[in-house]
């Protein structure tokens, strides 16, 4: 099941202005269908015209319509669904569409894909007759009012031992899942 936090990640990483600019540059405004909303239609037309005349969303004098940003978010949601909820592939595709070099995923972001990574890695190891995943605690620190954990995982494969260190998480389970997720991605 799709986690709505994953789709709203665009709002955390990419501004509505950037999304509206992308929609205008790719002429996605033609997919806006509205009745009895003359002010909205006029705003969209003025914004698209300004984008075509300018080269940077920072120099635009017309406010970006939120509906254009929503079109890009809906498109991202459809692609995400088509990719079988693979957030890494989605970001790889949309990095170029959004015209940015890097997308920063917030540290507190958790996807359902990451949450099941230990089970997925264990299943992959069994299917390929590899050794069982071995998790090691790398770091356990108290940060203000909570603990932060980092785990690494290693698997003995046909090609040798593969290791990956996970991201810092607030529970040991999440930290192990993070390490498993990153190792799975590197094995693909």
N, C-alpha and C. Protein backbone atom coordinates (compact mmCIF):
# COMPACT_ATOMS: atom_id res chain seq x y z
N UNK A 1 0.84 -1.18 0.00
CA UNK A 1 0.00 0.00 0.00
C UNK A 1 0.88 1.24 0.00
N UNK A 2 0.48 2.24 -0.75
CA UNK A 2 1.25 3.47 -0.88
C UNK A 2 1.15 4.30 0.38
N UNK A 3 2.29 4.80 0.82
CA UNK A 3 2.37 5.67 1.97
C UNK A 3 2.24 7.11 1.48
N UNK A 4 1.24 7.84 1.95
CA UNK A 4 1.03 9.20 1.48
C UNK A 4 2.20 10.11 1.81
N UNK A 5 2.94 9.81 2.88
CA UNK A 5 4.12 10.61 3.20
C UNK A 5 5.14 10.56 2.08
N UNK A 6 5.19 9.45 1.35
CA UNK A 6 6.14 9.34 0.26
C UNK A 6 5.80 10.31 -0.86
N UNK A 7 4.52 10.49 -1.13
CA UNK A 7 4.12 11.41 -2.19
C UNK A 7 4.23 12.86 -1.76
N UNK A 8 4.04 13.14 -0.49
CA UNK A 8 4.18 14.52 -0.04
C UNK A 8 5.64 14.89 0.18
N UNK A 9 6.53 13.96 -0.09
CA UNK A 9 7.95 14.25 0.00
C UNK A 9 8.35 15.35 -0.96
N UNK A 10 7.62 15.47 -2.08
CA UNK A 10 7.89 16.56 -3.02
C UNK A 10 7.75 17.90 -2.31
N UNK A 11 6.75 18.02 -1.45
CA UNK A 11 6.53 19.28 -0.75
C UNK A 11 7.67 19.60 0.20
N UNK A 12 8.32 18.58 0.74
CA UNK A 12 9.43 18.79 1.66
C UNK A 12 10.74 19.08 0.92
N UNK A 13 10.90 18.50 -0.25
CA UNK A 13 12.17 18.60 -0.96
C UNK A 13 12.16 19.61 -2.10
N UNK A 14 10.99 19.84 -2.67
CA UNK A 14 10.90 20.70 -3.85
C UNK A 14 9.75 21.68 -3.62
N UNK A 15 10.01 22.94 -3.87
CA UNK A 15 8.99 23.96 -3.64
C UNK A 15 7.87 23.88 -4.68
N UNK A 16 6.71 24.41 -4.31
CA UNK A 16 5.59 24.50 -5.24
C UNK A 16 5.97 25.35 -6.44
N UNK A 17 6.79 26.37 -6.22
CA UNK A 17 7.22 27.22 -7.32
C UNK A 17 8.01 26.40 -8.35
N UNK A 18 8.88 25.54 -7.88
CA UNK A 18 9.67 24.70 -8.78
C UNK A 18 8.76 23.74 -9.54
N UNK A 19 7.80 23.14 -8.84
CA UNK A 19 6.89 22.21 -9.50
C UNK A 19 6.03 22.92 -10.54
N UNK A 20 5.55 24.13 -10.22
CA UNK A 20 4.75 24.89 -11.17
C UNK A 20 5.59 25.26 -12.39
N UNK A 21 6.84 25.62 -12.17
CA UNK A 21 7.74 25.95 -13.27
C UNK A 21 7.93 24.75 -14.19
N UNK A 22 8.11 23.58 -13.61
CA UNK A 22 8.25 22.35 -14.40
C UNK A 22 6.99 22.11 -15.22
N UNK A 23 5.83 22.27 -14.59
CA UNK A 23 4.56 22.08 -15.31
C UNK A 23 4.45 23.04 -16.48
N UNK A 24 4.82 24.29 -16.27
CA UNK A 24 4.73 25.28 -17.34
C UNK A 24 5.72 24.98 -18.46
N UNK A 25 6.94 24.63 -18.10
CA UNK A 25 7.97 24.35 -19.13
C UNK A 25 7.63 23.13 -19.96
N UNK A 26 6.94 22.18 -19.36
CA UNK A 26 6.56 20.96 -20.08
C UNK A 26 5.14 21.05 -20.64
N UNK A 27 4.57 22.24 -20.57
CA UNK A 27 3.23 22.53 -21.10
C UNK A 27 2.15 21.61 -20.52
N UNK A 28 2.29 21.30 -19.24
CA UNK A 28 1.29 20.46 -18.58
C UNK A 28 0.04 21.25 -18.22
N UNK A 29 0.09 22.57 -18.37
CA UNK A 29 -1.08 23.40 -18.07
C UNK A 29 -2.25 23.05 -18.97
N UNK A 30 -2.00 22.46 -20.12
CA UNK A 30 -3.09 22.09 -21.03
C UNK A 30 -3.98 20.99 -20.44
N UNK A 31 -3.52 20.34 -19.37
CA UNK A 31 -4.31 19.30 -18.74
C UNK A 31 -5.19 19.82 -17.60
N UNK A 32 -5.12 21.11 -17.35
CA UNK A 32 -5.98 21.72 -16.34
C UNK A 32 -7.36 21.89 -16.95
N UNK A 33 -8.32 21.25 -16.38
CA UNK A 33 -9.71 21.36 -16.86
C UNK A 33 -10.54 21.94 -15.74
N UNK A 34 -11.04 23.13 -15.98
CA UNK A 34 -11.84 23.76 -14.94
C UNK A 34 -12.98 24.54 -15.58
N UNK A 35 -14.07 24.58 -14.89
CA UNK A 35 -15.25 25.32 -15.33
C UNK A 35 -15.54 26.42 -14.32
N UNK A 36 -16.01 27.52 -14.82
CA UNK A 36 -16.43 28.63 -13.96
C UNK A 36 -15.34 29.09 -13.00
N UNK A 37 -14.10 28.99 -13.44
CA UNK A 37 -12.99 29.47 -12.62
C UNK A 37 -12.10 30.38 -13.46
N UNK A 38 -12.68 31.41 -13.98
CA UNK A 38 -11.96 32.34 -14.86
C UNK A 38 -10.70 32.91 -14.20
N UNK A 39 -10.76 33.31 -12.92
CA UNK A 39 -9.52 33.84 -12.30
C UNK A 39 -8.39 32.80 -12.28
N UNK A 40 -8.71 31.55 -12.01
CA UNK A 40 -7.69 30.50 -11.99
C UNK A 40 -7.11 30.31 -13.39
N UNK A 41 -7.99 30.20 -14.38
CA UNK A 41 -7.52 30.03 -15.76
C UNK A 41 -6.64 31.19 -16.20
N UNK A 42 -7.02 32.40 -15.83
CA UNK A 42 -6.25 33.59 -16.20
C UNK A 42 -4.87 33.55 -15.50
N UNK A 43 -4.86 33.18 -14.24
CA UNK A 43 -3.60 33.09 -13.49
C UNK A 43 -2.68 32.05 -14.12
N UNK A 44 -3.22 30.90 -14.50
CA UNK A 44 -2.42 29.85 -15.13
C UNK A 44 -1.85 30.35 -16.44
N UNK A 45 -2.68 30.98 -17.28
CA UNK A 45 -2.20 31.50 -18.57
C UNK A 45 -1.11 32.56 -18.39
N UNK A 46 -1.31 33.47 -17.45
CA UNK A 46 -0.31 34.52 -17.20
C UNK A 46 1.00 33.92 -16.71
N UNK A 47 0.90 32.94 -15.84
CA UNK A 47 2.12 32.31 -15.31
C UNK A 47 2.88 31.58 -16.43
N UNK A 48 2.17 30.79 -17.22
CA UNK A 48 2.82 30.05 -18.31
C UNK A 48 3.46 31.02 -19.30
N UNK A 49 2.78 32.10 -19.61
CA UNK A 49 3.34 33.12 -20.51
C UNK A 49 4.62 33.71 -19.92
N UNK A 50 4.60 34.02 -18.63
CA UNK A 50 5.78 34.58 -17.97
C UNK A 50 6.95 33.60 -17.97
N UNK A 51 6.66 32.31 -17.78
CA UNK A 51 7.71 31.29 -17.79
C UNK A 51 8.33 31.20 -19.18
N UNK A 52 7.49 31.25 -20.20
CA UNK A 52 8.01 31.16 -21.57
C UNK A 52 8.87 32.37 -21.93
N UNK A 53 8.62 33.50 -21.30
CA UNK A 53 9.40 34.70 -21.57
C UNK A 53 10.66 34.79 -20.71
N UNK A 54 10.62 34.18 -19.52
CA UNK A 54 11.74 34.26 -18.59
C UNK A 54 12.51 32.96 -18.55
N UNK A 55 13.54 32.93 -17.69
CA UNK A 55 14.34 31.71 -17.61
C UNK A 55 14.52 31.20 -16.18
N UNK A 56 13.96 31.89 -15.21
CA UNK A 56 14.19 31.49 -13.83
C UNK A 56 12.97 31.81 -12.99
N UNK A 57 12.54 30.86 -12.18
CA UNK A 57 11.35 31.09 -11.36
C UNK A 57 11.56 32.20 -10.32
N UNK A 58 12.79 32.53 -10.02
CA UNK A 58 13.05 33.60 -9.05
C UNK A 58 12.78 34.98 -9.63
N UNK A 59 12.82 35.09 -10.96
CA UNK A 59 12.62 36.38 -11.61
C UNK A 59 11.17 36.60 -12.04
N UNK A 60 10.31 35.63 -11.85
CA UNK A 60 8.92 35.76 -12.30
C UNK A 60 8.16 36.73 -11.40
N UNK A 61 7.33 37.54 -12.03
CA UNK A 61 6.52 38.49 -11.26
C UNK A 61 5.12 37.95 -11.01
N UNK A 62 4.73 36.90 -11.70
CA UNK A 62 3.41 36.29 -11.54
C UNK A 62 3.52 35.14 -10.54
N UNK A 63 2.60 35.10 -9.60
CA UNK A 63 2.60 34.04 -8.59
C UNK A 63 2.28 32.69 -9.23
N UNK A 64 3.01 31.66 -8.85
CA UNK A 64 2.78 30.33 -9.43
C UNK A 64 1.49 29.72 -8.91
N UNK A 65 0.63 29.24 -9.80
CA UNK A 65 -0.62 28.60 -9.37
C UNK A 65 -0.34 27.22 -8.76
N UNK A 66 -0.92 26.97 -7.61
CA UNK A 66 -0.73 25.68 -6.93
C UNK A 66 -1.23 24.51 -7.78
N UNK A 67 -2.20 24.77 -8.65
CA UNK A 67 -2.75 23.68 -9.46
C UNK A 67 -1.70 23.10 -10.40
N UNK A 68 -0.76 23.94 -10.85
CA UNK A 68 0.31 23.42 -11.71
C UNK A 68 1.24 22.51 -10.93
N UNK A 69 1.53 22.87 -9.70
CA UNK A 69 2.35 22.01 -8.85
C UNK A 69 1.63 20.68 -8.60
N UNK A 70 0.31 20.75 -8.42
CA UNK A 70 -0.47 19.53 -8.17
C UNK A 70 -0.43 18.59 -9.37
N UNK A 71 -0.36 19.14 -10.57
CA UNK A 71 -0.27 18.29 -11.76
C UNK A 71 1.02 17.47 -11.74
N UNK A 72 2.13 18.13 -11.40
CA UNK A 72 3.41 17.42 -11.35
C UNK A 72 3.39 16.38 -10.23
N UNK A 73 2.81 16.73 -9.10
CA UNK A 73 2.71 15.76 -8.00
C UNK A 73 1.87 14.56 -8.41
N UNK A 74 0.77 14.79 -9.12
CA UNK A 74 -0.08 13.68 -9.58
C UNK A 74 0.68 12.81 -10.58
N UNK A 75 1.43 13.44 -11.46
CA UNK A 75 2.23 12.70 -12.42
C UNK A 75 3.27 11.85 -11.69
N UNK A 76 3.92 12.43 -10.69
CA UNK A 76 4.90 11.68 -9.90
C UNK A 76 4.23 10.49 -9.20
N UNK A 77 3.02 10.71 -8.69
CA UNK A 77 2.30 9.61 -8.04
C UNK A 77 2.00 8.48 -9.00
N UNK A 78 1.62 8.82 -10.22
CA UNK A 78 1.33 7.79 -11.23
C UNK A 78 2.60 7.02 -11.60
N UNK A 79 3.70 7.73 -11.77
CA UNK A 79 4.97 7.08 -12.10
C UNK A 79 5.42 6.19 -10.94
N UNK A 80 5.25 6.69 -9.71
CA UNK A 80 5.62 5.95 -8.51
C UNK A 80 4.84 4.63 -8.43
N UNK A 81 3.56 4.70 -8.74
CA UNK A 81 2.72 3.51 -8.76
C UNK A 81 3.21 2.54 -9.83
N UNK A 82 3.52 3.08 -11.01
CA UNK A 82 3.99 2.27 -12.12
C UNK A 82 5.33 1.60 -11.81
N UNK A 83 6.14 2.26 -10.97
CA UNK A 83 7.45 1.71 -10.58
C UNK A 83 7.35 0.75 -9.40
N UNK A 84 6.13 0.37 -9.06
CA UNK A 84 5.89 -0.55 -7.95
C UNK A 84 6.45 0.02 -6.64
N UNK A 85 6.22 1.32 -6.44
CA UNK A 85 6.57 2.03 -5.19
C UNK A 85 8.07 2.05 -4.90
N UNK A 86 8.88 2.10 -5.94
CA UNK A 86 10.33 2.20 -5.76
C UNK A 86 10.71 3.68 -5.75
N UNK A 87 10.90 4.20 -4.55
CA UNK A 87 11.18 5.62 -4.37
C UNK A 87 12.52 6.02 -4.99
N UNK A 88 13.50 5.14 -4.93
CA UNK A 88 14.81 5.44 -5.51
C UNK A 88 14.70 5.67 -7.01
N UNK A 89 13.97 4.81 -7.70
CA UNK A 89 13.79 4.96 -9.14
C UNK A 89 12.99 6.23 -9.45
N UNK A 90 11.99 6.52 -8.64
CA UNK A 90 11.19 7.74 -8.85
C UNK A 90 12.08 8.97 -8.78
N UNK A 91 12.93 9.06 -7.75
CA UNK A 91 13.81 10.21 -7.61
C UNK A 91 14.80 10.28 -8.76
N UNK A 92 15.28 9.13 -9.22
CA UNK A 92 16.21 9.11 -10.34
C UNK A 92 15.57 9.71 -11.59
N UNK A 93 14.32 9.37 -11.83
CA UNK A 93 13.61 9.89 -12.99
C UNK A 93 13.28 11.37 -12.81
N UNK A 94 12.76 11.74 -11.67
CA UNK A 94 12.26 13.09 -11.47
C UNK A 94 13.37 14.12 -11.19
N UNK A 95 14.54 13.66 -10.86
CA UNK A 95 15.65 14.59 -10.65
C UNK A 95 15.86 15.42 -11.91
N UNK A 96 15.85 14.78 -13.07
CA UNK A 96 16.02 15.49 -14.33
C UNK A 96 14.79 16.31 -14.69
N UNK A 97 13.62 15.75 -14.47
CA UNK A 97 12.37 16.46 -14.77
C UNK A 97 12.28 17.74 -13.94
N UNK A 98 12.71 17.67 -12.68
CA UNK A 98 12.64 18.82 -11.78
C UNK A 98 13.79 19.80 -11.97
N UNK A 99 14.73 19.43 -12.83
CA UNK A 99 15.86 20.30 -13.16
C UNK A 99 16.69 20.65 -11.93
N UNK A 100 16.97 19.65 -11.11
CA UNK A 100 17.82 19.86 -9.94
C UNK A 100 18.88 18.76 -9.91
N UNK A 101 19.99 19.05 -9.27
CA UNK A 101 21.09 18.09 -9.23
C UNK A 101 20.89 16.98 -8.21
N UNK A 102 20.30 17.33 -7.08
CA UNK A 102 20.16 16.35 -6.01
C UNK A 102 18.89 16.60 -5.23
N UNK A 103 18.25 15.53 -4.83
CA UNK A 103 17.05 15.63 -4.01
C UNK A 103 17.42 15.13 -2.63
N UNK A 104 17.14 15.94 -1.62
CA UNK A 104 17.45 15.58 -0.26
C UNK A 104 16.22 14.96 0.39
N UNK A 105 16.36 13.73 0.82
CA UNK A 105 15.28 13.05 1.53
C UNK A 105 15.46 13.33 3.01
N UNK A 106 14.45 13.85 3.68
CA UNK A 106 14.58 14.14 5.10
C UNK A 106 14.99 12.90 5.89
N UNK A 107 15.80 13.10 6.95
CA UNK A 107 16.28 11.97 7.75
C UNK A 107 15.16 11.20 8.42
N UNK A 108 14.05 11.87 8.74
CA UNK A 108 12.96 11.19 9.42
C UNK A 108 12.01 10.48 8.47
N UNK A 109 12.31 10.50 7.17
CA UNK A 109 11.45 9.86 6.19
C UNK A 109 11.56 8.34 6.27
N UNK A 110 10.45 7.68 6.37
CA UNK A 110 10.41 6.22 6.40
C UNK A 110 9.45 5.73 5.33
N UNK A 111 9.90 4.85 4.48
CA UNK A 111 8.99 4.29 3.48
C UNK A 111 8.67 2.86 3.86
N UNK A 112 7.55 2.39 3.34
CA UNK A 112 7.16 1.01 3.60
C UNK A 112 8.17 0.05 2.99
N UNK A 113 8.85 0.48 1.93
CA UNK A 113 9.86 -0.35 1.31
C UNK A 113 11.03 -0.56 2.26
N UNK A 114 11.44 0.47 2.97
CA UNK A 114 12.53 0.36 3.92
C UNK A 114 12.11 -0.51 5.10
N UNK A 115 10.87 -0.34 5.56
CA UNK A 115 10.40 -1.08 6.73
C UNK A 115 10.43 -2.59 6.55
N UNK A 116 10.29 -3.09 5.35
CA UNK A 116 10.31 -4.54 5.13
C UNK A 116 11.61 -5.05 4.56
N UNK A 117 12.65 -4.23 4.62
CA UNK A 117 13.91 -4.58 3.95
C UNK A 117 14.62 -5.79 4.57
N UNK A 118 14.55 -5.95 5.89
CA UNK A 118 15.21 -7.09 6.52
C UNK A 118 14.62 -8.40 6.01
N UNK A 119 13.31 -8.44 5.94
CA UNK A 119 12.62 -9.64 5.45
C UNK A 119 12.96 -9.89 3.99
N UNK A 120 12.97 -8.83 3.19
CA UNK A 120 13.29 -8.96 1.77
C UNK A 120 14.72 -9.45 1.57
N UNK A 121 15.66 -8.91 2.34
CA UNK A 121 17.05 -9.34 2.23
C UNK A 121 17.20 -10.80 2.65
N UNK A 122 16.55 -11.19 3.72
CA UNK A 122 16.60 -12.58 4.19
C UNK A 122 16.07 -13.52 3.10
N UNK A 123 14.95 -13.13 2.47
CA UNK A 123 14.37 -13.94 1.39
C UNK A 123 15.29 -14.05 0.19
N UNK A 124 15.94 -12.96 -0.18
CA UNK A 124 16.88 -12.96 -1.31
C UNK A 124 18.05 -13.89 -1.03
N UNK A 125 18.56 -13.83 0.19
CA UNK A 125 19.68 -14.70 0.57
C UNK A 125 19.30 -16.17 0.49
N UNK A 126 18.10 -16.50 0.96
CA UNK A 126 17.63 -17.88 0.88
C UNK A 126 17.45 -18.35 -0.55
N UNK A 127 16.89 -17.47 -1.38
CA UNK A 127 16.63 -17.81 -2.77
C UNK A 127 17.93 -18.05 -3.54
N UNK A 128 18.96 -17.31 -3.22
CA UNK A 128 20.22 -17.42 -3.95
C UNK A 128 21.26 -18.30 -3.24
N UNK A 129 20.84 -18.94 -2.16
CA UNK A 129 21.72 -19.82 -1.37
C UNK A 129 22.95 -19.08 -0.86
N UNK A 130 22.75 -17.86 -0.41
CA UNK A 130 23.81 -17.07 0.21
C UNK A 130 23.74 -17.26 1.72
N UNK A 131 24.73 -16.78 2.41
CA UNK A 131 24.70 -16.81 3.87
C UNK A 131 23.62 -15.89 4.41
N UNK A 132 23.22 -16.12 5.64
CA UNK A 132 22.21 -15.26 6.27
C UNK A 132 22.79 -13.88 6.55
N UNK A 133 21.96 -12.84 6.47
CA UNK A 133 22.45 -11.49 6.78
C UNK A 133 22.92 -11.41 8.23
N UNK A 134 24.05 -10.74 8.44
CA UNK A 134 24.60 -10.54 9.78
C UNK A 134 24.62 -9.04 10.05
N UNK A 135 23.92 -8.63 11.10
CA UNK A 135 23.81 -7.21 11.45
C UNK A 135 24.77 -6.90 12.61
N UNK A 136 25.40 -5.74 12.53
CA UNK A 136 26.32 -5.30 13.59
C UNK A 136 25.98 -3.87 13.99
N UNK A 137 25.96 -3.64 15.29
CA UNK A 137 25.73 -2.30 15.79
C UNK A 137 26.98 -1.46 15.55
N UNK A 138 26.83 -0.35 14.83
CA UNK A 138 27.96 0.54 14.54
C UNK A 138 27.99 1.68 15.54
N UNK A 139 26.80 2.18 15.91
CA UNK A 139 26.74 3.34 16.79
C UNK A 139 25.42 3.35 17.54
N UNK A 140 25.50 3.70 18.82
CA UNK A 140 24.30 3.91 19.64
C UNK A 140 24.59 5.13 20.52
N UNK A 141 24.01 6.26 20.19
CA UNK A 141 24.26 7.50 20.91
C UNK A 141 22.96 8.10 21.41
N UNK A 142 23.07 8.74 22.56
CA UNK A 142 21.92 9.49 23.08
C UNK A 142 22.02 10.90 22.52
N UNK A 143 20.97 11.32 21.82
CA UNK A 143 20.88 12.67 21.25
C UNK A 143 19.70 13.37 21.91
N UNK A 144 19.98 14.33 22.75
CA UNK A 144 18.98 15.05 23.52
C UNK A 144 18.10 14.07 24.28
N UNK A 145 16.88 13.80 23.77
CA UNK A 145 15.93 12.99 24.53
C UNK A 145 15.71 11.60 23.95
N UNK A 146 16.48 11.22 22.96
CA UNK A 146 16.27 9.90 22.36
C UNK A 146 17.60 9.27 21.96
N UNK A 147 17.54 7.99 21.70
CA UNK A 147 18.72 7.26 21.23
C UNK A 147 18.74 7.28 19.70
N UNK A 148 19.93 7.23 19.15
CA UNK A 148 20.13 7.12 17.70
C UNK A 148 21.03 5.91 17.45
N UNK A 149 20.62 5.08 16.49
CA UNK A 149 21.34 3.85 16.20
C UNK A 149 21.77 3.81 14.74
N UNK A 150 22.92 3.19 14.52
CA UNK A 150 23.38 2.90 13.17
C UNK A 150 23.82 1.44 13.16
N UNK A 151 23.32 0.68 12.20
CA UNK A 151 23.70 -0.72 12.03
C UNK A 151 24.32 -0.90 10.66
N UNK A 152 25.14 -1.92 10.54
CA UNK A 152 25.63 -2.34 9.24
C UNK A 152 25.16 -3.78 9.04
N UNK A 153 25.15 -4.22 7.81
CA UNK A 153 24.76 -5.59 7.50
C UNK A 153 25.74 -6.14 6.48
N UNK A 154 26.02 -7.43 6.61
CA UNK A 154 26.87 -8.07 5.62
C UNK A 154 26.27 -9.42 5.24
N UNK A 155 26.51 -9.77 3.99
CA UNK A 155 25.99 -11.03 3.45
C UNK A 155 27.10 -11.66 2.63
N UNK A 156 27.30 -12.96 2.85
CA UNK A 156 28.27 -13.68 2.05
C UNK A 156 27.58 -14.17 0.78
N UNK A 157 28.00 -13.62 -0.37
CA UNK A 157 27.42 -13.97 -1.65
C UNK A 157 28.39 -14.83 -2.44
N UNK A 158 27.99 -15.22 -3.64
CA UNK A 158 28.87 -15.99 -4.51
C UNK A 158 30.11 -15.20 -4.90
N UNK A 159 29.97 -13.89 -4.96
CA UNK A 159 31.08 -13.02 -5.37
C UNK A 159 31.92 -12.54 -4.18
N UNK A 160 31.56 -12.91 -2.98
CA UNK A 160 32.28 -12.47 -1.79
C UNK A 160 31.34 -11.84 -0.79
N UNK A 161 31.90 -11.21 0.22
CA UNK A 161 31.10 -10.59 1.27
C UNK A 161 30.71 -9.17 0.84
N UNK A 162 29.41 -8.88 0.93
CA UNK A 162 28.90 -7.54 0.63
C UNK A 162 28.46 -6.90 1.95
N UNK A 163 28.86 -5.66 2.17
CA UNK A 163 28.51 -4.94 3.40
C UNK A 163 27.90 -3.61 3.05
N UNK A 164 27.05 -3.14 3.95
CA UNK A 164 26.54 -1.77 3.83
C UNK A 164 26.17 -1.25 5.20
N UNK A 165 26.50 0.02 5.43
CA UNK A 165 26.13 0.69 6.67
C UNK A 165 24.84 1.46 6.43
N UNK A 166 23.92 1.39 7.38
CA UNK A 166 22.66 2.08 7.26
C UNK A 166 22.71 3.50 7.76
N UNK A 167 21.59 4.18 7.65
CA UNK A 167 21.46 5.56 8.14
C UNK A 167 21.13 5.57 9.62
N UNK A 168 21.33 6.69 10.25
CA UNK A 168 21.03 6.86 11.68
C UNK A 168 19.51 6.86 11.87
N UNK A 169 19.03 6.01 12.79
CA UNK A 169 17.61 5.89 13.07
C UNK A 169 17.36 5.87 14.58
N UNK A 170 16.10 6.07 14.95
CA UNK A 170 15.78 6.18 16.38
C UNK A 170 15.47 4.85 17.05
N UNK A 171 15.36 3.76 16.29
CA UNK A 171 15.18 2.43 16.90
C UNK A 171 16.15 1.45 16.23
N UNK A 172 16.57 0.41 16.95
CA UNK A 172 17.45 -0.58 16.34
C UNK A 172 16.81 -1.26 15.12
N UNK A 173 15.52 -1.53 15.20
CA UNK A 173 14.83 -2.18 14.06
C UNK A 173 14.90 -1.31 12.82
N UNK A 174 14.61 -0.02 12.96
CA UNK A 174 14.67 0.89 11.82
C UNK A 174 16.09 1.01 11.28
N UNK A 175 17.07 0.99 12.17
CA UNK A 175 18.47 1.09 11.74
C UNK A 175 18.89 -0.17 10.96
N UNK A 176 18.45 -1.34 11.42
CA UNK A 176 18.74 -2.58 10.68
C UNK A 176 18.03 -2.59 9.33
N UNK A 177 16.78 -2.12 9.30
CA UNK A 177 16.04 -2.04 8.04
C UNK A 177 16.73 -1.09 7.07
N UNK A 178 17.24 0.01 7.56
CA UNK A 178 17.95 0.96 6.71
C UNK A 178 19.18 0.31 6.08
N UNK A 179 19.95 -0.40 6.88
CA UNK A 179 21.14 -1.08 6.36
C UNK A 179 20.75 -2.14 5.33
N UNK A 180 19.70 -2.91 5.63
CA UNK A 180 19.25 -3.95 4.70
C UNK A 180 18.77 -3.33 3.40
N UNK A 181 18.02 -2.24 3.50
CA UNK A 181 17.51 -1.56 2.31
C UNK A 181 18.66 -1.08 1.41
N UNK A 182 19.65 -0.45 2.01
CA UNK A 182 20.77 0.06 1.23
C UNK A 182 21.59 -1.07 0.60
N UNK A 183 21.74 -2.18 1.33
CA UNK A 183 22.45 -3.33 0.76
C UNK A 183 21.67 -3.92 -0.39
N UNK A 184 20.35 -4.05 -0.23
CA UNK A 184 19.52 -4.56 -1.33
C UNK A 184 19.68 -3.71 -2.57
N UNK A 185 19.66 -2.38 -2.41
CA UNK A 185 19.80 -1.48 -3.56
C UNK A 185 21.16 -1.64 -4.23
N UNK A 186 22.19 -1.85 -3.42
CA UNK A 186 23.52 -2.00 -4.02
C UNK A 186 23.68 -3.34 -4.72
N UNK A 187 22.92 -4.34 -4.31
CA UNK A 187 22.99 -5.66 -4.94
C UNK A 187 22.23 -5.70 -6.27
N UNK A 188 21.34 -4.75 -6.49
CA UNK A 188 20.52 -4.77 -7.72
C UNK A 188 21.26 -4.19 -8.89
